[in-house]
Protein backbone atom coordinates (compact mmCIF):
# COMPACT_ATOMS: atom_id res chain seq x y z
CA MET A 1 -0.31 -0.10 -0.26
CA GLN A 2 2.70 2.25 0.53
CA TYR A 3 4.51 2.24 -2.86
CA LEU A 4 0.95 2.77 -4.21
CA GLU A 5 0.82 6.06 -2.10
CA PHE A 6 3.93 6.94 -3.16
CA PHE A 7 3.63 5.90 -6.86
CA LEU A 8 0.12 8.63 -7.07
CA PHE A 9 2.15 11.33 -4.66
CA GLN A 10 5.04 11.51 -6.92
CA CYS A 11 3.04 11.06 -10.08
CA PHE A 12 0.71 14.61 -8.37
CA LYS A 13 4.01 16.15 -8.13
CA TRP A 14 5.32 15.45 -11.22
CA PHE A 15 1.98 17.25 -12.62
CA VAL A 16 2.26 20.74 -10.22
CA LEU A 17 6.19 20.34 -11.15
CA ALA A 18 5.04 21.02 -14.70
CA LEU A 19 3.06 23.59 -13.58
CA PRO A 20 3.80 27.95 -13.64
CA LEU A 21 3.56 28.68 -9.94
CA LYS A 22 0.44 30.79 -10.24
CA SER A 23 -1.51 28.10 -11.97
CA ALA A 24 0.39 25.41 -9.25
CA GLN A 25 -1.07 27.67 -6.36
CA ARG A 26 -4.68 28.03 -8.33
CA LEU A 27 -4.59 24.53 -7.86
CA GLY A 28 -4.05 23.90 -4.41
CA ALA A 29 -7.00 27.06 -4.04
CA LEU A 30 -9.13 24.32 -5.86
CA LEU A 31 -7.93 20.89 -4.43
CA GLY A 32 -8.67 23.07 -1.30
CA GLY A 33 -11.92 24.61 -1.29
CA LEU A 34 -12.87 20.41 -3.16
CA ALA A 35 -11.12 18.94 0.66
CA TYR A 36 -13.45 21.29 2.68
CA TYR A 37 -17.12 19.17 1.19
CA VAL A 38 -15.14 15.83 0.95
CA SER A 39 -13.78 16.20 4.61
CA SER A 40 -16.32 16.27 6.86
CA ALA A 41 -14.63 15.04 9.61
CA ARG A 42 -11.52 17.73 9.11
CA ARG A 43 -14.60 19.78 8.35
CA ARG A 44 -16.62 19.34 11.95
CA ILE A 45 -13.29 19.83 13.77
CA ALA A 46 -12.48 23.10 11.72
CA LEU A 47 -15.92 24.61 12.50
CA GLU A 48 -15.54 23.12 16.24
CA ASN A 49 -12.74 25.10 16.97
CA LEU A 50 -14.18 28.28 14.76
CA GLU A 51 -17.17 28.54 17.14
CA HIS A 52 -15.08 28.14 20.64
CA ALA A 53 -12.72 30.43 18.79
CA PHE A 54 -15.20 32.71 17.45
CA PRO A 55 -18.20 32.75 19.54
CA GLU A 56 -19.35 36.35 18.84
CA LYS A 57 -19.07 35.75 14.93
CA SER A 58 -21.98 34.40 12.93
CA GLU A 59 -22.43 30.61 11.12
CA ARG A 60 -21.79 32.40 7.96
CA GLU A 61 -19.09 33.85 8.50
CA ARG A 62 -17.38 30.39 10.95
CA VAL A 63 -18.11 28.94 7.33
CA ARG A 64 -16.52 31.84 5.34
CA ILE A 65 -12.87 31.25 8.00
CA ALA A 66 -12.79 27.22 7.66
CA LYS A 67 -13.12 27.55 3.58
CA GLY A 68 -10.53 29.83 3.43
CA ALA A 69 -8.68 27.41 5.70
CA PHE A 70 -8.77 24.86 3.85
CA ARG A 71 -8.46 26.90 0.51
CA ASN A 72 -4.39 27.90 2.88
CA PHE A 73 -3.48 24.59 3.19
CA GLY A 74 -4.53 23.13 -0.58
CA ILE A 75 -1.88 26.06 -1.56
CA ALA A 76 0.59 25.13 1.19
CA PHE A 77 0.89 21.89 0.03
CA VAL A 78 1.21 22.42 -3.54
CA GLU A 79 3.74 24.76 -3.06
CA LEU A 80 5.50 22.30 -1.10
CA LEU A 81 5.17 20.02 -4.08
CA TRP A 82 6.47 22.91 -6.38
CA PHE A 83 9.48 23.78 -3.93
CA PRO A 84 12.26 22.07 -6.56
CA ASN A 85 11.09 24.74 -9.23
CA LEU A 86 12.29 27.78 -7.03
CA THR A 87 15.39 29.43 -7.81
CA ASP A 88 16.95 32.89 -5.48
CA PRO A 89 15.17 35.06 -8.66
CA ILE A 90 12.02 33.29 -7.14
CA ILE A 91 12.38 33.18 -3.54
CA ARG A 92 13.05 36.96 -3.54
CA GLN A 93 10.01 37.56 -5.89
CA LEU A 94 7.81 35.79 -4.10
CA VAL A 95 8.22 36.08 -0.14
CA ARG A 96 9.39 39.96 0.92
CA VAL A 97 10.62 39.87 4.20
CA GLN A 98 9.61 43.50 5.82
CA ASN A 99 11.73 43.24 8.61
CA PRO A 100 15.30 41.02 8.54
CA GLN A 101 17.38 42.95 11.10
CA VAL A 102 15.15 40.78 13.84
CA MET A 103 16.87 37.66 12.69
CA THR A 104 20.18 38.79 12.11
CA GLU A 105 20.61 40.79 15.31
CA GLY A 106 19.51 37.96 17.27
CA HIS A 107 21.44 35.35 15.40
CA LYS A 108 24.71 38.09 16.63
CA LYS A 109 24.18 37.62 19.83
CA GLY A 110 26.61 34.02 19.10
CA LYS A 111 23.78 31.86 21.34
CA GLY A 112 21.96 30.17 18.78
CA MET A 113 18.14 31.05 17.92
CA ILE A 114 15.00 29.39 18.63
CA MET A 115 12.58 30.19 15.76
CA LEU A 116 9.17 29.35 16.12
CA ALA A 117 6.17 29.43 13.43
CA GLY A 118 2.80 28.59 13.42
CA HIS A 119 0.23 26.15 11.34
CA PHE A 120 -0.01 29.70 10.12
CA GLY A 121 0.44 30.69 6.12
CA ASN A 122 3.18 28.64 4.32
CA TRP A 123 5.32 27.67 7.45
CA GLU A 124 6.63 25.33 5.73
CA LEU A 125 7.88 28.11 2.84
CA THR A 126 8.43 30.32 5.76
CA ALA A 127 11.68 28.88 7.19
CA LEU A 128 13.28 27.67 3.72
CA ALA A 129 12.61 31.42 1.78
CA VAL A 130 13.38 33.47 5.52
CA ALA A 131 17.41 31.64 5.92
CA HIS A 132 17.68 31.71 2.42
CA GLN A 133 17.27 35.52 1.75
CA LEU A 134 19.68 35.74 5.19
CA ASN A 135 22.06 33.52 3.95
CA MET A 136 21.58 30.83 7.28
CA SER A 137 20.45 27.95 8.02
CA VAL A 138 18.24 25.94 10.12
CA THR A 139 17.03 22.62 11.42
CA ILE A 140 13.39 22.76 11.30
CA ILE A 141 12.17 19.73 14.15
CA VAL A 142 9.01 17.42 11.70
CA GLN A 143 6.61 15.05 12.56
CA THR A 144 7.45 11.99 10.52
CA GLN A 145 4.81 10.90 8.20
CA SER A 146 3.43 7.76 7.89
CA ASN A 147 4.59 6.61 4.29
CA LYS A 148 8.55 6.81 4.79
CA LEU A 149 8.78 7.18 0.91
CA VAL A 150 6.65 10.71 0.89
CA ASP A 151 8.21 11.52 4.56
CA ALA A 152 11.55 11.45 2.55
CA VAL A 153 10.19 13.24 -0.30
CA ILE A 154 8.98 16.12 1.69
CA ASN A 155 12.57 16.21 3.61
CA ARG A 156 14.26 16.58 0.46
CA HIS A 157 12.03 19.70 0.26
CA ARG A 158 12.20 21.14 2.95
CA CYS A 159 16.72 20.81 2.37
CA LEU A 160 16.82 21.82 -0.58
CA PHE A 161 18.26 25.22 -0.14
CA GLY A 162 20.83 24.29 2.87
CA ASN A 163 18.33 23.74 5.92
CA ARG A 164 18.06 20.06 7.62
CA VAL A 165 15.48 18.16 9.12
CA VAL A 166 15.25 15.89 12.52
CA ALA A 167 12.82 14.26 13.68
CA MET A 168 10.63 14.95 16.47
CA GLY A 169 10.84 12.32 18.26
CA ALA A 170 15.05 12.15 18.07
CA SER A 171 14.95 16.43 18.68
CA VAL A 172 16.32 16.99 21.83
CA ARG A 173 20.00 15.81 21.59
CA GLU A 174 20.15 17.44 17.73
CA ILE A 175 18.28 21.09 19.33
CA VAL A 176 21.39 21.28 22.59
CA ARG A 177 24.05 20.36 20.02
CA THR A 178 22.58 22.87 17.16
CA LEU A 179 22.06 26.08 19.95
CA GLN A 180 25.42 24.84 21.36
CA ASN A 181 27.22 25.60 18.23
CA ARG A 182 25.41 28.53 17.63
CA GLY A 183 22.55 27.38 15.02
CA ILE A 184 19.07 28.00 14.36
CA ILE A 185 16.40 25.56 15.00
CA ALA A 186 12.48 26.10 13.68
CA ILE A 187 9.32 24.26 15.21
CA ALA A 188 5.85 25.01 14.62
CA PRO A 189 4.82 24.50 17.94
CA ASP A 190 1.17 24.80 18.12
CA GLN A 191 -0.12 21.47 17.66
CA SER A 192 -1.88 20.06 20.60
CA GLY A 193 0.39 19.52 23.65
CA PRO A 194 1.10 16.48 26.36
CA MET A 195 -1.33 16.04 29.56
CA GLU A 196 2.13 16.82 31.19
CA GLY A 197 2.67 20.30 29.41
CA VAL A 198 1.95 23.33 30.64
CA PHE A 199 -1.42 25.05 30.20
CA VAL A 200 -1.71 28.34 28.87
CA GLU A 201 -4.63 30.48 27.41
CA PHE A 202 -5.86 29.99 23.29
CA PHE A 203 -8.97 32.12 22.42
CA GLY A 204 -10.65 31.81 26.00
CA ARG A 205 -9.26 28.10 26.92
CA LYS A 206 -6.09 26.87 28.91
CA VAL A 207 -5.38 24.24 26.41
CA ALA A 208 -1.89 22.06 26.80
CA THR A 209 0.75 23.51 24.92
CA HIS A 210 4.44 21.73 23.86
CA GLN A 211 6.82 23.95 26.89
CA GLY A 212 10.14 22.48 24.51
CA PRO A 213 10.56 26.29 22.94
CA ALA A 214 10.57 27.97 26.51
CA VAL A 215 12.52 25.13 28.08
CA PHE A 216 15.46 25.30 25.03
CA ALA A 217 15.35 29.42 25.28
CA LEU A 218 15.23 29.72 29.13
CA ARG A 219 17.61 27.52 29.79
CA SER A 220 20.36 28.42 26.16
CA GLY A 221 19.72 31.90 26.82
CA ALA A 222 19.04 31.58 23.02
CA PRO A 223 16.69 34.70 21.83
CA LEU A 224 13.37 33.06 21.04
CA GLN A 225 11.69 34.41 18.01
CA MET A 226 8.39 34.50 15.65
CA GLY A 227 7.53 34.91 12.03
CA PHE A 228 4.33 35.18 10.20
CA MET A 229 3.81 34.37 6.43
CA ILE A 230 1.17 36.46 5.08
CA ARG A 231 -0.06 36.31 1.73
CA GLN A 232 -1.18 39.21 -0.19
CA PRO A 233 -3.63 38.97 -2.93
CA ASP A 234 -1.49 38.44 -5.51
CA GLY A 235 -0.36 35.67 -4.24
CA THR A 236 3.27 36.77 -3.39
CA TYR A 237 4.28 36.84 0.79
CA GLU A 238 5.29 39.11 3.74
CA VAL A 239 7.17 37.39 6.29
CA VAL A 240 7.24 39.35 9.88
CA LEU A 241 9.16 38.99 12.43
CA HIS A 242 9.07 38.56 16.06
CA GLU A 243 11.93 38.54 18.80
CA ILE A 244 9.74 37.01 21.99
CA ASP A 245 10.95 39.03 25.37
CA THR A 246 13.27 37.59 27.89
CA THR A 247 14.61 40.00 29.59
CA ASP A 248 12.80 39.11 32.61
CA LEU A 249 12.44 35.80 33.24
CA GLY A 250 15.88 34.10 34.44
CA GLY A 251 16.19 30.48 34.44
CA ALA A 252 14.35 27.44 33.54
CA MET A 253 11.59 27.12 36.77
CA GLU A 254 8.38 26.13 35.76
CA ASP A 255 6.38 30.04 36.36
CA ASN A 256 9.50 31.38 33.49
CA ILE A 257 8.40 28.53 31.15
CA GLN A 258 4.86 28.68 31.80
CA GLU A 259 4.76 33.01 30.91
CA LEU A 260 7.45 32.28 28.16
CA THR A 261 4.30 29.46 26.80
CA ARG A 262 2.06 31.82 27.03
CA ARG A 263 3.76 34.16 26.09
CA HIS A 264 4.28 33.23 22.31
CA THR A 265 1.09 31.81 22.39
CA ALA A 266 -1.02 34.80 23.13
CA LEU A 267 1.34 36.48 19.54
CA LEU A 268 0.07 33.39 17.21
CA GLU A 269 -3.65 33.93 18.63
CA GLU A 270 -2.58 37.57 18.27
CA TYR A 271 -2.24 37.27 14.14
CA ILE A 272 -4.89 34.27 13.64
CA ARG A 273 -7.28 37.16 14.70
CA LYS A 274 -6.09 39.17 11.82
CA TYR A 275 -5.49 36.67 9.55
CA PRO A 276 -7.76 33.97 10.35
CA ASP A 277 -8.99 31.89 7.21
CA HIS A 278 -4.20 30.79 7.81
CA TRP A 279 -4.39 28.94 10.43
CA LEU A 280 -5.02 24.94 9.99
CA TRP A 281 -7.70 25.30 11.95
CA MET A 282 -8.89 21.38 11.07
CA HIS A 283 -6.62 20.27 13.39
CA ARG A 284 -7.24 19.32 16.90
CA ARG A 285 -5.83 21.82 18.93
CA TRP A 286 -8.09 21.46 21.94
CA LYS A 287 -8.07 17.36 22.77
CA ASN A 288 -6.44 18.24 26.15
CA ILE A 289 -8.04 21.42 27.66
CA TRP A 290 -8.32 22.23 31.33
CA GLU A 291 -11.55 21.98 32.25
CA ASP A 292 -11.46 18.36 31.45
CA ILE A 293 -8.56 17.29 33.74
CA PRO A 294 -10.99 15.78 36.70
CA ARG A 295 -10.54 18.12 39.96
CA GLN A 296 -8.58 15.58 41.91
CA ASP A 297 -5.70 14.88 39.03
CA ARG A 298 -5.47 19.14 38.90
CA MET A 299 -3.07 19.53 41.22
CA VAL A 300 -0.69 16.30 40.30
CA GLY A 301 1.83 16.70 36.92
CA VAL A 302 0.29 19.51 35.16
CA ARG A 303 0.06 22.81 35.46
CA ALA A 304 -1.70 25.51 34.80
């Protein structure tokens, strides 16, 4: 079955690579829009998430956002397949970094750097294009795909301009080594966190959130930054970079870890509220929420 999936994936990839970029983007939007109607389970999750996040919006508005999120995902996926066609001139025309000095000045501190991105806009293109334009390479922490053959192709695309990937399960040692060597870690920590993680508010609900970025930043002294890729009406992108303030926080104590996690989660929410169709609402982000934990267990092993 894996070989059949891989063959179909490769056929689709070759078809995408034969298209001009604008046509590929239109194809992605079309497929994403179709997926909204075909994938009833993901559609239901997206609409439930939006109902909790934006209770003040009408059902019609929430449906419009959900459809936009599906289209955004379709475009991002097709663009990922199109990566082998990218050249330096195409990247610079496609992606403009508004404030590159945020990243270059952070890297000059000599303690490495942790770059965060939500599943927002085209997060895959963010790591590739920003690093390339600033003449840097990043180590991307990734989830492994179930089909190993497809996974290998996607990872090759991610590494086309000098980046490298490390699987999530084997990442701790590589993160430490990379930061010690003044390297840059890129990670998207906005998916569902474990119950033993920290709980911070996200769209009005306390939700389990990955604490790793805050832990590594506070232990190493590496700047913690976050990038947002905003799609323009003409299909190009603008990237805005932010550094998350840690100057008032000490070491990697529980309270500091929670506060830093709260800060980068709040910044992500701010941008999602501005561009709600850019985020991956189809994911079960609120799978582990504080209210669902039995009261007797709230004092044991979890923090809020």
